[in-house]
PDB file of N, CA and C in Angstrom:
ATOM      1  N   MET A   1      -3.089 -23.310   2.175  1.00  0.00           N
ATOM      2  CA  MET A   1      -3.765 -23.480   3.402  1.00  0.00           C
ATOM      3  C   MET A   1      -5.096 -23.445   3.101  1.00  0.00           C
ATOM      4  N   GLY A   2      -6.035 -24.493   3.503  1.00  0.00           N
ATOM      5  CA  GLY A   2      -7.346 -24.297   3.792  1.00  0.00           C
ATOM      6  C   GLY A   2      -8.137 -23.721   4.694  1.00  0.00           C
ATOM      7  N   HIS A   3      -9.119 -23.271   4.178  1.00  0.00           N
ATOM      8  CA  HIS A   3     -10.415 -22.627   4.940  1.00  0.00           C
ATOM      9  C   HIS A   3     -10.304 -23.017   6.459  1.00  0.00           C
ATOM     10  N   ALA A   4     -10.250 -24.294   6.743  1.00  0.00           N
ATOM     11  CA  ALA A   4     -10.394 -24.750   7.823  1.00  0.00           C
ATOM     12  C   ALA A   4      -9.039 -24.293   8.710  1.00  0.00           C
ATOM     13  N   ALA A   5      -8.244 -24.634   7.866  1.00  0.00           N
ATOM     14  CA  ALA A   5      -6.512 -24.662   8.771  1.00  0.00           C
ATOM     15  C   ALA A   5      -6.457 -22.905   9.003  1.00  0.00           C
ATOM     16  N   ALA A   6      -6.902 -21.995   8.165  1.00  0.00           N
ATOM     17  CA  ALA A   6      -6.752 -20.669   8.386  1.00  0.00           C
ATOM     18  C   ALA A   6      -7.684 -20.134   9.692  1.00  0.00           C
ATOM     19  N   ARG A   7      -8.772 -21.049   9.656  1.00  0.00           N
ATOM     20  CA  ARG A   7      -9.434 -20.406  10.866  1.00  0.00           C
ATOM     21  C   ARG A   7      -8.884 -21.136  12.051  1.00  0.00           C
ATOM     22  N   ARG A   8      -8.203 -22.394  12.139  1.00  0.00           N
ATOM     23  CA  ARG A   8      -7.358 -22.562  13.398  1.00  0.00           C
ATOM     24  C   ARG A   8      -6.390 -21.904  13.669  1.00  0.00           C
ATOM     25  N   LEU A   9      -5.815 -21.518  12.603  1.00  0.00           N
ATOM     26  CA  LEU A   9      -4.366 -20.742  13.017  1.00  0.00           C
ATOM     27  C   LEU A   9      -5.026 -19.285  13.422  1.00  0.00           C
ATOM     28  N   LEU A  10      -5.855 -18.778  13.051  1.00  0.00           N
ATOM     29  CA  LEU A  10      -6.718 -17.789  13.777  1.00  0.00           C
ATOM     30  C   LEU A  10      -6.954 -17.924  15.120  1.00  0.00           C
ATOM     31  N   GLY A  11      -7.541 -18.838  15.346  1.00  0.00           N
ATOM     32  CA  GLY A  11      -8.015 -19.518  16.899  1.00  0.00           C
ATOM     33  C   GLY A  11      -7.398 -19.227  17.510  1.00  0.00           C
ATOM     34  N   GLN A  12      -5.646 -20.089  17.772  1.00  0.00           N
ATOM     35  CA  GLN A  12      -4.502 -20.191  18.001  1.00  0.00           C
ATOM     36  C   GLN A  12      -3.980 -18.897  18.514  1.00  0.00           C
ATOM     37  N   LEU A  13      -3.747 -18.135  17.437  1.00  0.00           N
ATOM     38  CA  LEU A  13      -3.280 -16.512  17.603  1.00  0.00           C
ATOM     39  C   LEU A  13      -4.191 -15.918  18.419  1.00  0.00           C
ATOM     40  N   ARG A  14      -5.395 -16.067  18.725  1.00  0.00           N
ATOM     41  CA  ARG A  14      -6.439 -15.629  19.387  1.00  0.00           C
ATOM     42  C   ARG A  14      -6.150 -15.892  20.802  1.00  0.00           C
ATOM     43  N   TRP A  15      -6.052 -17.246  20.775  1.00  0.00           N
ATOM     44  CA  TRP A  15      -5.635 -18.136  22.232  1.00  0.00           C
ATOM     45  C   TRP A  15      -4.257 -17.634  22.789  1.00  0.00           C
ATOM     46  N   CYS A  16      -3.247 -17.228  22.060  1.00  0.00           N
ATOM     47  CA  CYS A  16      -1.767 -16.680  22.434  1.00  0.00           C
ATOM     48  C   CYS A  16      -2.177 -15.163  22.811  1.00  0.00           C
ATOM     49  N   GLY A  17      -3.180 -14.758  22.492  1.00  0.00           N
ATOM     50  CA  GLY A  17      -3.359 -12.956  23.108  1.00  0.00           C
ATOM     51  C   GLY A  17      -3.068 -12.082  21.852  1.00  0.00           C
ATOM     52  N   ILE A  18      -2.636 -12.841  20.549  1.00  0.00           N
ATOM     53  CA  ILE A  18      -2.790 -12.056  19.353  1.00  0.00           C
ATOM     54  C   ILE A  18      -4.002 -11.622  18.733  1.00  0.00           C
ATOM     55  N   ASP A  19      -4.223 -10.133  18.275  1.00  0.00           N
ATOM     56  CA  ASP A  19      -5.569 -10.038  17.980  1.00  0.00           C
ATOM     57  C   ASP A  19      -5.001  -9.768  16.123  1.00  0.00           C
ATOM     58  N   HIS A  20      -5.657 -10.322  15.514  1.00  0.00           N
ATOM     59  CA  HIS A  20      -4.948 -10.363  14.071  1.00  0.00           C
ATOM     60  C   HIS A  20      -5.244  -9.376  13.469  1.00  0.00           C
ATOM     61  N   ARG A  21      -6.636  -8.377  13.776  1.00  0.00           N
ATOM     62  CA  ARG A  21      -6.526  -6.931  12.927  1.00  0.00           C
ATOM     63  C   ARG A  21      -5.234  -5.971  13.637  1.00  0.00           C
ATOM     64  N   GLU A  22      -5.165  -6.150  14.626  1.00  0.00           N
ATOM     65  CA  GLU A  22      -4.234  -5.366  15.200  1.00  0.00           C
ATOM     66  C   GLU A  22      -2.352  -5.511  14.540  1.00  0.00           C
ATOM     67  N   LEU A  23      -2.625  -7.126  14.903  1.00  0.00           N
ATOM     68  CA  LEU A  23      -1.129  -7.376  13.783  1.00  0.00           C
ATOM     69  C   LEU A  23      -0.976  -6.997  12.581  1.00  0.00           C
ATOM     70  N   THR A  24      -2.225  -7.341  11.595  1.00  0.00           N
ATOM     71  CA  THR A  24      -2.005  -6.889  10.331  1.00  0.00           C
ATOM     72  C   THR A  24      -2.030  -5.515  10.249  1.00  0.00           C
ATOM     73  N   THR A  25      -2.739  -4.547  10.771  1.00  0.00           N
ATOM     74  CA  THR A  25      -2.595  -3.472  11.176  1.00  0.00           C
ATOM     75  C   THR A  25      -1.239  -2.791  11.225  1.00  0.00           C
ATOM     76  N   ARG A  26      -0.367  -3.277  12.171  1.00  0.00           N
ATOM     77  CA  ARG A  26       0.900  -2.984  12.137  1.00  0.00           C
ATOM     78  C   ARG A  26       1.795  -3.387  11.374  1.00  0.00           C
ATOM     79  N   LEU A  27       1.588  -4.411  10.733  1.00  0.00           N
ATOM     80  CA  LEU A  27       2.618  -5.239   9.877  1.00  0.00           C
ATOM     81  C   LEU A  27       2.466  -4.093   8.472  1.00  0.00           C
ATOM     82  N   GLU A  28       1.139  -3.852   8.194  1.00  0.00           N
ATOM     83  CA  GLU A  28       0.866  -3.009   6.981  1.00  0.00           C
ATOM     84  C   GLU A  28       1.760  -1.459   7.236  1.00  0.00           C
ATOM     85  N   ALA A  29       1.375  -0.893   8.117  1.00  0.00           N
ATOM     86  CA  ALA A  29       2.250   0.106   8.801  1.00  0.00           C
ATOM     87  C   ALA A  29       3.548   0.276   8.502  1.00  0.00           C
ATOM     88  N   GLU A  30       4.350  -0.772   9.128  1.00  0.00           N
ATOM     89  CA  GLU A  30       5.671  -1.228   8.985  1.00  0.00           C
ATOM     90  C   GLU A  30       6.283  -1.225   7.634  1.00  0.00           C
ATOM     91  N   ALA A  31       5.113  -2.271   6.888  1.00  0.00           N
ATOM     92  CA  ALA A  31       5.716  -2.252   5.449  1.00  0.00           C
ATOM     93  C   ALA A  31       5.526  -0.925   4.745  1.00  0.00           C
ATOM     94  N   LEU A  32       4.590  -0.041   4.918  1.00  0.00           N
ATOM     95  CA  LEU A  32       4.558   1.334   4.159  1.00  0.00           C
ATOM     96  C   LEU A  32       5.541   2.019   4.213  1.00  0.00           C
ATOM     97  N   LYS A  33       5.808   2.262   5.823  1.00  0.00           N
ATOM     98  CA  LYS A  33       6.903   2.868   6.105  1.00  0.00           C
ATOM     99  C   LYS A  33       8.431   2.528   5.349  1.00  0.00           C
ATOM    100  N   ASP A  34       8.747   1.533   5.439  1.00  0.00           N
ATOM    101  CA  ASP A  34       9.927   0.656   4.710  1.00  0.00           C
ATOM    102  C   ASP A  34       9.855   0.845   3.235  1.00  0.00           C
ATOM    103  N   LEU A  35       8.849   0.846   2.458  1.00  0.00           N
ATOM    104  CA  LEU A  35       8.533   1.372   1.371  1.00  0.00           C
ATOM    105  C   LEU A  35       8.618   2.437   0.810  1.00  0.00           C
ATOM    106  N   ASP A  36       8.358   3.402   1.947  1.00  0.00           N
ATOM    107  CA  ASP A  36       8.340   5.095   1.578  1.00  0.00           C
ATOM    108  C   ASP A  36       9.935   5.171   1.760  1.00  0.00           C
ATOM    109  N   GLU A  37      10.622   4.903   2.441  1.00  0.00           N
ATOM    110  CA  GLU A  37      11.999   5.043   2.692  1.00  0.00           C
ATOM    111  C   GLU A  37      12.905   4.167   1.488  1.00  0.00           C
ATOM    112  N   SER A  38      12.705   3.647   1.085  1.00  0.00           N
ATOM    113  CA  SER A  38      13.107   2.557   0.313  1.00  0.00           C
ATOM    114  C   SER A  38      12.923   3.534  -1.233  1.00  0.00           C
ATOM    115  N   TRP A  39      11.818   4.178  -1.504  1.00  0.00           N
ATOM    116  CA  TRP A  39      11.564   4.886  -2.521  1.00  0.00           C
ATOM    117  C   TRP A  39      12.316   6.186  -2.344  1.00  0.00           C
ATOM    118  N   HIS A  40      12.171   6.991  -1.248  1.00  0.00           N
ATOM    119  CA  HIS A  40      13.015   8.088  -1.245  1.00  0.00           C
ATOM    120  C   HIS A  40      14.780   7.837  -1.677  1.00  0.00           C
ATOM    121  N   ARG A  41      14.709   6.819  -1.191  1.00  0.00           N
ATOM    122  CA  ARG A  41      16.440   6.511  -1.147  1.00  0.00           C
ATOM    123  C   ARG A  41      16.505   6.205  -2.657  1.00  0.00           C
ATOM    124  N   LEU A  42      15.840   5.663  -3.088  1.00  0.00           N
ATOM    125  CA  LEU A  42      15.736   5.230  -4.781  1.00  0.00           C
ATOM    126  C   LEU A  42      15.931   6.764  -5.496  1.00  0.00           C
ATOM    127  N   LEU A  43      15.034   7.320  -5.025  1.00  0.00           N
ATOM    128  CA  LEU A  43      14.823   8.829  -6.049  1.00  0.00           C
ATOM    129  C   LEU A  43      16.058   9.686  -5.460  1.00  0.00           C
ATOM    130  N   ASP A  44      16.644   9.628  -4.701  1.00  0.00           N
ATOM    131  CA  ASP A  44      17.710  10.335  -4.125  1.00  0.00           C
ATOM    132  C   ASP A  44      18.808   9.769  -4.954  1.00  0.00           C
ATOM    133  N   THR A  45      19.321   8.355  -5.100  1.00  0.00           N
ATOM    134  CA  THR A  45      20.228   7.838  -5.721  1.00  0.00           C
ATOM    135  C   THR A  45      20.242   7.890  -7.260  1.00  0.00           C
ATOM    136  N   LEU A  46      18.943   7.969  -7.725  1.00  0.00           N
ATOM    137  CA  LEU A  46      18.635   8.513  -9.168  1.00  0.00           C
ATOM    138  C   LEU A  46      19.126  10.008  -9.389  1.00  0.00           C
ATOM    139  N   THR A  47      18.287  10.647  -8.724  1.00  0.00           N
ATOM    140  CA  THR A  47      19.031  12.308  -8.424  1.00  0.00           C
ATOM    141  C   THR A  47      20.422  12.408  -8.766  1.00  0.00           C
ATOM    142  N   LEU A  48      20.864  11.778  -7.897  1.00  0.00           N
ATOM    143  CA  LEU A  48      22.711  12.010  -7.750  1.00  0.00           C
ATOM    144  C   LEU A  48      23.291  11.531  -8.863  1.00  0.00           C
ATOM    145  N   ALA A  49      22.779  10.506  -9.550  1.00  0.00           N
ATOM    146  CA  ALA A  49      23.273   9.724 -10.861  1.00  0.00           C
ATOM    147  C   ALA A  49      23.366  10.684 -11.674  1.00  0.00           C
ATOM    148  N   LEU A  50      21.918  11.523 -11.975  1.00  0.00           N
ATOM    149  CA  LEU A  50      21.339  12.017 -13.276  1.00  0.00           C
ATOM    150  C   LEU A  50      22.225  13.755 -13.012  1.00  0.00           C
ATOM    151  N   GLU A  51      22.161  14.152 -11.778  1.00  0.00           N
ATOM    152  CA  GLU A  51      23.211  15.065 -11.583  1.00  0.00           C
ATOM    153  C   GLU A  51      25.062  15.328 -12.203  1.00  0.00           C
ATOM    154  N   THR A  52      25.084  14.049 -11.759  1.00  0.00           N
ATOM    155  CA  THR A  52      26.787  13.440 -11.472  1.00  0.00           C
ATOM    156  C   THR A  52      26.657  13.367 -13.496  1.00  0.00           C
ATOM    157  N   ALA A  53      25.925  12.367 -13.822  1.00  0.00           N
ATOM    158  CA  ALA A  53      26.185  12.474 -15.688  1.00  0.00           C
ATOM    159  C   ALA A  53      25.880  13.627 -16.554  1.00  0.00           C
ATOM    160  N   ALA A  54      25.227  14.716 -15.615  1.00  0.00           N
ATOM    161  CA  ALA A  54      25.184  15.852 -16.288  1.00  0.00           C
ATOM    162  C   ALA A  54      26.089  16.649 -15.952  1.00  0.00           C
ATOM    163  N   GLY A  55      26.899  16.501 -15.208  1.00  0.00           N
ATOM    164  CA  GLY A  55      28.376  17.184 -14.818  1.00  0.00           C
ATOM    165  C   GLY A  55      28.215  17.954 -13.779  1.00  0.00           C
ATOM    166  N   ALA A  56      26.868  18.010 -13.190  1.00  0.00           N
ATOM    167  CA  ALA A  56      26.778  18.898 -12.290  1.00  0.00           C
ATOM    168  C   ALA A  56      27.125  18.505 -10.900  1.00  0.00           C
ATOM    169  N   ARG A  57      27.265  19.694  -9.744  1.00  0.00           N
ATOM    170  CA  ARG A  57      28.327  19.530  -8.546  1.00  0.00           C
ATOM    171  C   ARG A  57      26.735  18.768  -7.798  1.00  0.00           C
ATOM    172  N   PRO A  58      26.800  17.477  -7.401  1.00  0.00           N
ATOM    173  CA  PRO A  58      25.640  16.774  -6.746  1.00  0.00           C
ATOM    174  C   PRO A  58      25.417  17.675  -5.254  1.00  0.00           C
ATOM    175  N   ASP A  59      23.803  17.806  -5.172  1.00  0.00           N
ATOM    176  CA  ASP A  59      23.421  18.704  -3.880  1.00  0.00           C
ATOM    177  C   ASP A  59      23.647  18.243  -2.576  1.00  0.00           C
ATOM    178  N   ALA A  60      24.585  18.229  -1.747  1.00  0.00           N
ATOM    179  CA  ALA A  60      24.748  18.323  -0.418  1.00  0.00           C
ATOM    180  C   ALA A  60      23.820  17.549   0.262  1.00  0.00           C
ATOM    181  N   ARG A  61      22.553  17.791   0.396  1.00  0.00           N
ATOM    182  CA  ARG A  61      21.314  17.744   0.952  1.00  0.00           C
ATOM    183  C   ARG A  61      21.107  16.424   0.539  1.00  0.00           C
ATOM    184  N   THR A  62      21.066  15.930  -0.896  1.00  0.00           N
ATOM    185  CA  THR A  62      20.933  14.792  -1.278  1.00  0.00           C
ATOM    186  C   THR A  62      22.014  13.538  -0.844  1.00  0.00           C
ATOM    187  N   LEU A  63      23.097  14.096  -0.777  1.00  0.00           N
ATOM    188  CA  LEU A  63      24.304  13.319  -0.434  1.00  0.00           C
ATOM    189  C   LEU A  63      24.114  12.947   1.073  1.00  0.00           C
ATOM    190  N   ASP A  64      23.527  13.993   2.029  1.00  0.00           N
ATOM    191  CA  ASP A  64      23.277  13.972   3.359  1.00  0.00           C
ATOM    192  C   ASP A  64      22.258  12.679   3.506  1.00  0.00           C
ATOM    193  N   ARG A  65      21.309  12.964   2.765  1.00  0.00           N
ATOM    194  CA  ARG A  65      20.133  11.760   3.036  1.00  0.00           C
ATOM    195  C   ARG A  65      20.753  10.416   2.725  1.00  0.00           C
ATOM    196  N   LEU A  66      21.963  10.276   1.610  1.00  0.00           N
ATOM    197  CA  LEU A  66      22.398   9.062   1.399  1.00  0.00           C
ATOM    198  C   LEU A  66      23.004   8.685   1.947  1.00  0.00           C
ATOM    199  N   ASP A  67      23.624   9.177   2.753  1.00  0.00           N
ATOM    200  CA  ASP A  67      24.802   8.816   3.854  1.00  0.00           C
ATOM    201  C   ASP A  67      26.128   8.139   3.109  1.00  0.00           C
ATOM    202  N   PHE A  68      26.852   8.861   1.780  1.00  0.00           N
ATOM    203  CA  PHE A  68      27.762   8.086   1.204  1.00  0.00           C
ATOM    204  C   PHE A  68      29.074   8.150   2.277  1.00  0.00           C
ATOM    205  N   PRO A  69      29.771   7.413   2.136  1.00  0.00           N
ATOM    206  CA  PRO A  69      31.094   7.370   2.921  1.00  0.00           C
ATOM    207  C   PRO A  69      32.041   8.116   2.380  1.00  0.00           C
ATOM    208  N   ASP A  70      32.295   8.051   0.818  1.00  0.00           N
ATOM    209  CA  ASP A  70      32.939   8.982   0.141  1.00  0.00           C
ATOM    210  C   ASP A  70      31.843  10.197  -0.474  1.00  0.00           C
ATOM    211  N   ARG A  71      32.039  11.316   0.078  1.00  0.00           N
ATOM    212  CA  ARG A  71      31.133  11.868  -0.686  1.00  0.00           C
ATOM    213  C   ARG A  71      31.982  12.810  -1.782  1.00  0.00           C
ATOM    214  N   PRO A  72      31.523  12.814  -2.941  1.00  0.00           N
ATOM    215  CA  PRO A  72      31.866  13.091  -4.116  1.00  0.00           C
ATOM    216  C   PRO A  72      32.153  14.941  -3.854  1.00  0.00           C
ATOM    217  N   ASP A  73      31.206  15.618  -3.122  1.00  0.00           N
ATOM    218  CA  ASP A  73      31.318  16.791  -2.622  1.00  0.00           C
ATOM    219  C   ASP A  73      32.493  17.278  -1.245  1.00  0.00           C
ATOM    220  N   GLN A  74      32.984  16.311  -1.359  1.00  0.00           N
ATOM    221  CA  GLN A  74      33.841  16.673  -0.036  1.00  0.00           C
ATOM    222  C   GLN A  74      35.675  16.267  -0.622  1.00  0.00           C
ATOM    223  N   GLU A  75      36.395  17.292  -0.406  1.00  0.00           N
ATOM    224  CA  GLU A  75      38.095  16.801  -0.646  1.00  0.00           C
ATOM    225  C   GLU A  75      38.563  15.704   0.245  1.00  0.00           C
ATOM    226  N   THR A  76      39.371  14.715  -0.530  1.00  0.00           N
ATOM    227  CA  THR A  76      39.880  13.710   0.554  1.00  0.00           C
ATOM    228  C   THR A  76      41.224  14.592   1.154  1.00  0.00           C
ATOM    229  N   PRO A  77      41.543  14.023   2.443  1.00  0.00           N
ATOM    230  CA  PRO A  77      42.773  14.681   2.789  1.00  0.00           C
ATOM    231  C   PRO A  77      44.257  14.095   2.548  1.00  0.00           C
TER     232      PRO A  77
END
């Protein structure tokens, strides 16, 4: 997209009542929140894998955060 096309698009956004700065700030905040959640889920998954590989009983708090349907720390009926 060229400079002129970008300026036209920003003008069209303003015409529609969309504030470019507000939009980018909101999208950035949402992206950071999603990244943070994904990062913590990855850390919890790795923690569980390492604990399991070491033969340790998985920490219930980690399992709660991961929301596993078949939790290895609970017996099946």
